[in-house]
PDB file of N, CA and C in Angstrom:
ATOM      1  N   MET A   1      79.840 169.434  59.758  1.00  0.00           N
ATOM      2  CA  MET A   1      81.236 169.872  59.696  1.00  0.00           C
ATOM      3  C   MET A   1      81.706 169.859  58.236  1.00  0.00           C
ATOM      4  N   LYS A   2      82.280 170.952  57.793  1.00  0.00           N
ATOM      5  CA  LYS A   2      82.748 171.032  56.414  1.00  0.00           C
ATOM      6  C   LYS A   2      84.073 170.285  56.285  1.00  0.00           C
ATOM      7  N   GLN A   3      84.181 169.509  55.202  1.00  0.00           N
ATOM      8  CA  GLN A   3      85.412 168.746  54.969  1.00  0.00           C
ATOM      9  C   GLN A   3      86.563 169.697  54.656  1.00  0.00           C
ATOM     10  N   GLN A   4      87.745 169.320  55.128  1.00  0.00           N
ATOM     11  CA  GLN A   4      88.963 170.069  54.828  1.00  0.00           C
ATOM     12  C   GLN A   4      89.272 169.959  53.337  1.00  0.00           C
ATOM     13  N   LEU A   5      89.542 171.080  52.693  1.00  0.00           N
ATOM     14  CA  LEU A   5      89.910 171.080  51.275  1.00  0.00           C
ATOM     15  C   LEU A   5      91.360 171.529  51.166  1.00  0.00           C
ATOM     16  N   SER A   6      92.200 170.654  50.656  1.00  0.00           N
ATOM     17  CA  SER A   6      93.602 170.998  50.466  1.00  0.00           C
ATOM     18  C   SER A   6      93.818 171.366  49.011  1.00  0.00           C
ATOM     19  N   THR A   7      94.870 172.133  48.752  1.00  0.00           N
ATOM     20  CA  THR A   7      95.154 172.569  47.396  1.00  0.00           C
ATOM     21  C   THR A   7      96.499 172.027  46.953  1.00  0.00           C
ATOM     22  N   ALA A   8      96.495 171.389  45.779  1.00  0.00           N
ATOM     23  CA  ALA A   8      97.738 170.874  45.209  1.00  0.00           C
ATOM     24  C   ALA A   8      98.110 171.726  44.001  1.00  0.00           C
ATOM     25  N   THR A   9      99.407 171.938  43.799  1.00  0.00           N
ATOM     26  CA  THR A   9      99.852 172.747  42.668  1.00  0.00           C
ATOM     27  C   THR A   9     100.445 171.887  41.557  1.00  0.00           C
ATOM     28  N   ASN A  10     100.517 170.560  41.766  1.00  0.00           N
ATOM     29  CA  ASN A  10     100.937 169.650  40.701  1.00  0.00           C
ATOM     30  C   ASN A  10     100.442 168.247  41.012  1.00  0.00           C
ATOM     31  N   TYR A  11     100.574 167.363  40.037  1.00  0.00           N
ATOM     32  CA  TYR A  11     100.025 166.010  40.153  1.00  0.00           C
ATOM     33  C   TYR A  11     100.649 165.223  41.307  1.00  0.00           C
ATOM     34  N   GLY A  12     101.967 165.316  41.444  1.00  0.00           N
ATOM     35  CA  GLY A  12     102.662 164.592  42.512  1.00  0.00           C
ATOM     36  C   GLY A  12     102.167 164.996  43.882  1.00  0.00           C
ATOM     37  N   GLU A  13     101.983 166.294  44.057  1.00  0.00           N
ATOM     38  CA  GLU A  13     101.506 166.820  45.334  1.00  0.00           C
ATOM     39  C   GLU A  13     100.085 166.313  45.627  1.00  0.00           C
ATOM     40  N   ALA A  14      99.240 166.310  44.604  1.00  0.00           N
ATOM     41  CA  ALA A  14      97.873 165.819  44.771  1.00  0.00           C
ATOM     42  C   ALA A  14      97.880 164.355  45.199  1.00  0.00           C
ATOM     43  N   CYS A  15      98.694 163.535  44.549  1.00  0.00           N
ATOM     44  CA  CYS A  15      98.771 162.108  44.890  1.00  0.00           C
ATOM     45  C   CYS A  15      99.259 161.905  46.309  1.00  0.00           C
ATOM     46  N   GLU A  16     100.269 162.680  46.695  1.00  0.00           N
ATOM     47  CA  GLU A  16     100.825 162.578  48.034  1.00  0.00           C
ATOM     48  C   GLU A  16      99.751 162.870  49.086  1.00  0.00           C
ATOM     49  N   MET A  17      98.985 163.932  48.856  1.00  0.00           N
ATOM     50  CA  MET A  17      97.919 164.304  49.792  1.00  0.00           C
ATOM     51  C   MET A  17      96.862 163.216  49.887  1.00  0.00           C
ATOM     52  N   LEU A  18      96.436 162.714  48.726  1.00  0.00           N
ATOM     53  CA  LEU A  18      95.379 161.699  48.707  1.00  0.00           C
ATOM     54  C   LEU A  18      95.851 160.397  49.341  1.00  0.00           C
ATOM     55  N   ARG A  19      97.088 160.023  49.081  1.00  0.00           N
ATOM     56  CA  ARG A  19      97.619 158.784  49.639  1.00  0.00           C
ATOM     57  C   ARG A  19      97.827 158.867  51.135  1.00  0.00           C
ATOM     58  N   SER A  20      97.976 160.082  51.668  1.00  0.00           N
ATOM     59  CA  SER A  20      98.255 160.237  53.094  1.00  0.00           C
ATOM     60  C   SER A  20      97.136 159.658  53.950  1.00  0.00           C
ATOM     61  N   GLY A  21      95.916 159.638  53.389  1.00  0.00           N
ATOM     62  CA  GLY A  21      94.786 159.141  54.159  1.00  0.00           C
ATOM     63  C   GLY A  21      94.134 160.210  55.013  1.00  0.00           C
ATOM     64  N   TYR A  22      94.782 161.356  55.177  1.00  0.00           N
ATOM     65  CA  TYR A  22      94.240 162.428  56.015  1.00  0.00           C
ATOM     66  C   TYR A  22      93.408 163.409  55.223  1.00  0.00           C
ATOM     67  N   VAL A  23      93.701 163.521  53.940  1.00  0.00           N
ATOM     68  CA  VAL A  23      93.040 164.511  53.099  1.00  0.00           C
ATOM     69  C   VAL A  23      91.992 163.810  52.248  1.00  0.00           C
ATOM     70  N   LYS A  24      90.768 164.305  52.281  1.00  0.00           N
ATOM     71  CA  LYS A  24      89.688 163.682  51.513  1.00  0.00           C
ATOM     72  C   LYS A  24      89.362 164.458  50.237  1.00  0.00           C
ATOM     73  N   HIS A  25      89.678 165.755  50.194  1.00  0.00           N
ATOM     74  CA  HIS A  25      89.336 166.592  49.040  1.00  0.00           C
ATOM     75  C   HIS A  25      90.549 167.430  48.667  1.00  0.00           C
ATOM     76  N   VAL A  26      90.944 167.338  47.413  1.00  0.00           N
ATOM     77  CA  VAL A  26      92.107 168.104  46.945  1.00  0.00           C
ATOM     78  C   VAL A  26      91.705 168.913  45.720  1.00  0.00           C
ATOM     79  N   ARG A  27      91.931 170.230  45.805  1.00  0.00           N
ATOM     80  CA  ARG A  27      91.713 171.104  44.650  1.00  0.00           C
ATOM     81  C   ARG A  27      92.952 171.030  43.777  1.00  0.00           C
ATOM     82  N   LEU A  28      92.747 170.749  42.485  1.00  0.00           N
ATOM     83  CA  LEU A  28      93.857 170.697  41.537  1.00  0.00           C
ATOM     84  C   LEU A  28      94.054 172.118  41.018  1.00  0.00           C
ATOM     85  N   ASN A  29      94.980 172.821  41.644  1.00  0.00           N
ATOM     86  CA  ASN A  29      95.130 174.252  41.417  1.00  0.00           C
ATOM     87  C   ASN A  29      96.255 174.556  40.436  1.00  0.00           C
ATOM     88  N   TRP A  30      96.167 173.946  39.263  1.00  0.00           N
ATOM     89  CA  TRP A  30      97.081 174.269  38.170  1.00  0.00           C
ATOM     90  C   TRP A  30      96.323 173.991  36.880  1.00  0.00           C
ATOM     91  N   ASN A  31      96.895 174.377  35.775  1.00  0.00           N
ATOM     92  CA  ASN A  31      96.229 174.194  34.492  1.00  0.00           C
ATOM     93  C   ASN A  31      96.381 172.734  34.061  1.00  0.00           C
ATOM     94  N   VAL A  32      95.411 171.908  34.437  1.00  0.00           N
ATOM     95  CA  VAL A  32      95.472 170.469  34.165  1.00  0.00           C
ATOM     96  C   VAL A  32      95.197 170.227  32.682  1.00  0.00           C
ATOM     97  N   GLY A  33      96.159 169.643  31.996  1.00  0.00           N
ATOM     98  CA  GLY A  33      95.964 169.315  30.580  1.00  0.00           C
ATOM     99  C   GLY A  33      95.104 168.061  30.438  1.00  0.00           C
ATOM    100  N   SER A  34      94.600 167.809  29.232  1.00  0.00           N
ATOM    101  CA  SER A  34      93.697 166.669  29.053  1.00  0.00           C
ATOM    102  C   SER A  34      94.404 165.338  29.318  1.00  0.00           C
ATOM    103  N   ASP A  35      95.655 165.188  28.886  1.00  0.00           N
ATOM    104  CA  ASP A  35      96.373 163.930  29.143  1.00  0.00           C
ATOM    105  C   ASP A  35      96.517 163.701  30.638  1.00  0.00           C
ATOM    106  N   GLU A  36      96.885 164.763  31.338  1.00  0.00           N
ATOM    107  CA  GLU A  36      97.068 164.674  32.785  1.00  0.00           C
ATOM    108  C   GLU A  36      95.738 164.384  33.473  1.00  0.00           C
ATOM    109  N   PHE A  37      94.677 165.027  32.992  1.00  0.00           N
ATOM    110  CA  PHE A  37      93.355 164.784  33.574  1.00  0.00           C
ATOM    111  C   PHE A  37      92.982 163.304  33.456  1.00  0.00           C
ATOM    112  N   PHE A  38      93.209 162.726  32.279  1.00  0.00           N
ATOM    113  CA  PHE A  38      92.853 161.319  32.103  1.00  0.00           C
ATOM    114  C   PHE A  38      93.733 160.404  32.942  1.00  0.00           C
ATOM    115  N   ARG A  39      94.986 160.800  33.134  1.00  0.00           N
ATOM    116  CA  ARG A  39      95.867 160.013  34.002  1.00  0.00           C
ATOM    117  C   ARG A  39      95.356 160.043  35.434  1.00  0.00           C
ATOM    118  N   ILE A  40      94.976 161.231  35.897  1.00  0.00           N
ATOM    119  CA  ILE A  40      94.423 161.358  37.244  1.00  0.00           C
ATOM    120  C   ILE A  40      93.159 160.518  37.368  1.00  0.00           C
ATOM    121  N   ALA A  41      92.282 160.642  36.367  1.00  0.00           N
ATOM    122  CA  ALA A  41      91.022 159.899  36.401  1.00  0.00           C
ATOM    123  C   ALA A  41      91.281 158.398  36.444  1.00  0.00           C
ATOM    124  N   SER A  42      92.197 157.899  35.612  1.00  0.00           N
ATOM    125  CA  SER A  42      92.417 156.450  35.609  1.00  0.00           C
ATOM    126  C   SER A  42      93.112 155.994  36.887  1.00  0.00           C
ATOM    127  N   ASP A  43      94.032 156.812  37.413  1.00  0.00           N
ATOM    128  CA  ASP A  43      94.716 156.438  38.666  1.00  0.00           C
ATOM    129  C   ASP A  43      93.773 156.426  39.858  1.00  0.00           C
ATOM    130  N   TRP A  44      92.914 157.433  39.950  1.00  0.00           N
ATOM    131  CA  TRP A  44      92.144 157.622  41.186  1.00  0.00           C
ATOM    132  C   TRP A  44      90.707 157.165  41.113  1.00  0.00           C
ATOM    133  N   CYS A  45      90.052 157.290  39.962  1.00  0.00           N
ATOM    134  CA  CYS A  45      88.642 156.905  39.888  1.00  0.00           C
ATOM    135  C   CYS A  45      88.476 155.397  40.020  1.00  0.00           C
ATOM    136  N   ASP A  46      89.496 154.643  39.642  1.00  0.00           N
ATOM    137  CA  ASP A  46      89.463 153.190  39.849  1.00  0.00           C
ATOM    138  C   ASP A  46      89.402 152.845  41.329  1.00  0.00           C
ATOM    139  N   THR A  47      89.897 153.730  42.176  1.00  0.00           N
ATOM    140  CA  THR A  47      89.874 153.474  43.619  1.00  0.00           C
ATOM    141  C   THR A  47      88.634 154.086  44.268  1.00  0.00           C
ATOM    142  N   GLY A  48      87.715 154.596  43.452  1.00  0.00           N
ATOM    143  CA  GLY A  48      86.466 155.127  43.997  1.00  0.00           C
ATOM    144  C   GLY A  48      86.442 156.632  44.189  1.00  0.00           C
ATOM    145  N   ALA A  49      87.468 157.329  43.704  1.00  0.00           N
ATOM    146  CA  ALA A  49      87.486 158.787  43.850  1.00  0.00           C
ATOM    147  C   ALA A  49      86.528 159.428  42.844  1.00  0.00           C
ATOM    148  N   LYS A  50      86.104 160.637  43.156  1.00  0.00           N
ATOM    149  CA  LYS A  50      85.245 161.408  42.256  1.00  0.00           C
ATOM    150  C   LYS A  50      85.966 162.710  41.920  1.00  0.00           C
ATOM    151  N   ILE A  51      85.795 163.159  40.668  1.00  0.00           N
ATOM    152  CA  ILE A  51      86.376 164.440  40.253  1.00  0.00           C
ATOM    153  C   ILE A  51      85.229 165.343  39.824  1.00  0.00           C
ATOM    154  N   LYS A  52      85.217 166.567  40.364  1.00  0.00           N
ATOM    155  CA  LYS A  52      84.190 167.502  39.902  1.00  0.00           C
ATOM    156  C   LYS A  52      84.825 168.830  39.551  1.00  0.00           C
ATOM    157  N   LYS A  53      84.188 169.524  38.630  1.00  0.00           N
ATOM    158  CA  LYS A  53      84.680 170.832  38.196  1.00  0.00           C
ATOM    159  C   LYS A  53      84.151 171.866  39.177  1.00  0.00           C
ATOM    160  N   ASP A  54      85.014 172.779  39.582  1.00  0.00           N
ATOM    161  CA  ASP A  54      84.619 173.838  40.501  1.00  0.00           C
ATOM    162  C   ASP A  54      85.225 175.132  39.979  1.00  0.00           C
ATOM    163  N   GLY A  55      84.435 175.910  39.278  1.00  0.00           N
ATOM    164  CA  GLY A  55      84.963 177.127  38.661  1.00  0.00           C
ATOM    165  C   GLY A  55      85.994 176.756  37.609  1.00  0.00           C
ATOM    166  N   ASP A  56      87.210 177.279  37.767  1.00  0.00           N
ATOM    167  CA  ASP A  56      88.262 177.008  36.791  1.00  0.00           C
ATOM    168  C   ASP A  56      89.125 175.811  37.167  1.00  0.00           C
ATOM    169  N   SER A  57      88.834 175.174  38.298  1.00  0.00           N
ATOM    170  CA  SER A  57      89.684 174.067  38.725  1.00  0.00           C
ATOM    171  C   SER A  57      88.852 172.811  38.972  1.00  0.00           C
ATOM    172  N   PHE A  58      89.537 171.739  39.296  1.00  0.00           N
ATOM    173  CA  PHE A  58      88.877 170.478  39.602  1.00  0.00           C
ATOM    174  C   PHE A  58      89.130 170.138  41.059  1.00  0.00           C
ATOM    175  N   ILE A  59      88.174 169.422  41.647  1.00  0.00           N
ATOM    176  CA  ILE A  59      88.358 168.908  43.001  1.00  0.00           C
ATOM    177  C   ILE A  59      88.226 167.401  42.925  1.00  0.00           C
ATOM    178  N   ILE A  60      89.208 166.710  43.457  1.00  0.00           N
ATOM    179  CA  ILE A  60      89.141 165.256  43.508  1.00  0.00           C
ATOM    180  C   ILE A  60      88.854 164.860  44.949  1.00  0.00           C
ATOM    181  N   SER A  61      87.870 163.994  45.128  1.00  0.00           N
ATOM    182  CA  SER A  61      87.434 163.593  46.462  1.00  0.00           C
ATOM    183  C   SER A  61      87.506 162.084  46.606  1.00  0.00           C
ATOM    184  N   VAL A  62      88.062 161.647  47.727  1.00  0.00           N
ATOM    185  CA  VAL A  62      88.059 160.227  48.054  1.00  0.00           C
ATOM    186  C   VAL A  62      87.225 160.065  49.313  1.00  0.00           C
ATOM    187  N   LYS A  63      86.472 158.975  49.372  1.00  0.00           N
ATOM    188  CA  LYS A  63      85.729 158.762  50.605  1.00  0.00           C
ATOM    189  C   LYS A  63      85.909 157.337  51.078  1.00  0.00           C
ATOM    190  N   GLY A  64      85.932 157.172  52.372  1.00  0.00           N
ATOM    191  CA  GLY A  64      86.132 155.854  52.942  1.00  0.00           C
ATOM    192  C   GLY A  64      87.434 155.230  52.483  1.00  0.00           C
ATOM    193  N   PHE A  65      88.438 156.047  52.313  1.00  0.00           N
ATOM    194  CA  PHE A  65      89.727 155.539  51.850  1.00  0.00           C
ATOM    195  C   PHE A  65      90.390 154.775  52.985  1.00  0.00           C
ATOM    196  N   PRO A  66      90.809 153.547  52.752  1.00  0.00           N
ATOM    197  CA  PRO A  66      91.403 152.775  53.849  1.00  0.00           C
ATOM    198  C   PRO A  66      92.735 153.370  54.285  1.00  0.00           C
ATOM    199  N   ILE A  67      92.864 153.612  55.558  1.00  0.00           N
ATOM    200  CA  ILE A  67      94.133 154.077  56.101  1.00  0.00           C
ATOM    201  C   ILE A  67      94.894 152.811  56.533  1.00  0.00           C
ATOM    202  N   PRO A  68      96.122 152.655  56.098  1.00  0.00           N
ATOM    203  CA  PRO A  68      96.862 151.425  56.443  1.00  0.00           C
ATOM    204  C   PRO A  68      96.941 151.224  57.959  1.00  0.00           C
ATOM    205  N   ARG A  69      96.731 150.005  58.368  1.00  0.00           N
ATOM    206  CA  ARG A  69      96.806 149.701  59.804  1.00  0.00           C
ATOM    207  C   ARG A  69      98.233 149.865  60.298  1.00  0.00           C
ATOM    208  N   GLN A  70      98.372 150.330  61.514  1.00  0.00           N
ATOM    209  CA  GLN A  70      99.696 150.443  62.139  1.00  0.00           C
ATOM    210  C   GLN A  70     100.004 149.130  62.830  1.00  0.00           C
ATOM    211  N   HIS A  71     101.215 148.599  62.624  1.00  0.00           N
ATOM    212  CA  HIS A  71     101.560 147.317  63.235  1.00  0.00           C
ATOM    213  C   HIS A  71     102.226 147.536  64.571  1.00  0.00           C
TER     214      HIS A  71
END
């Protein structure tokens, strides 16, 4: 089964998708500047995410991301 790939048009949207726990792969579909790229890398790669280049854009992938337990 192919993983769902969502597309974000800005950093906030990408974070929201990744934090939701439902989205595992997000295409960063805007012109990511180097400062922003490093911010994304430091925010997300510390949690085990991977970033790969795909054509003109980047895809950030999280795996085994803990979904908060429902009380």
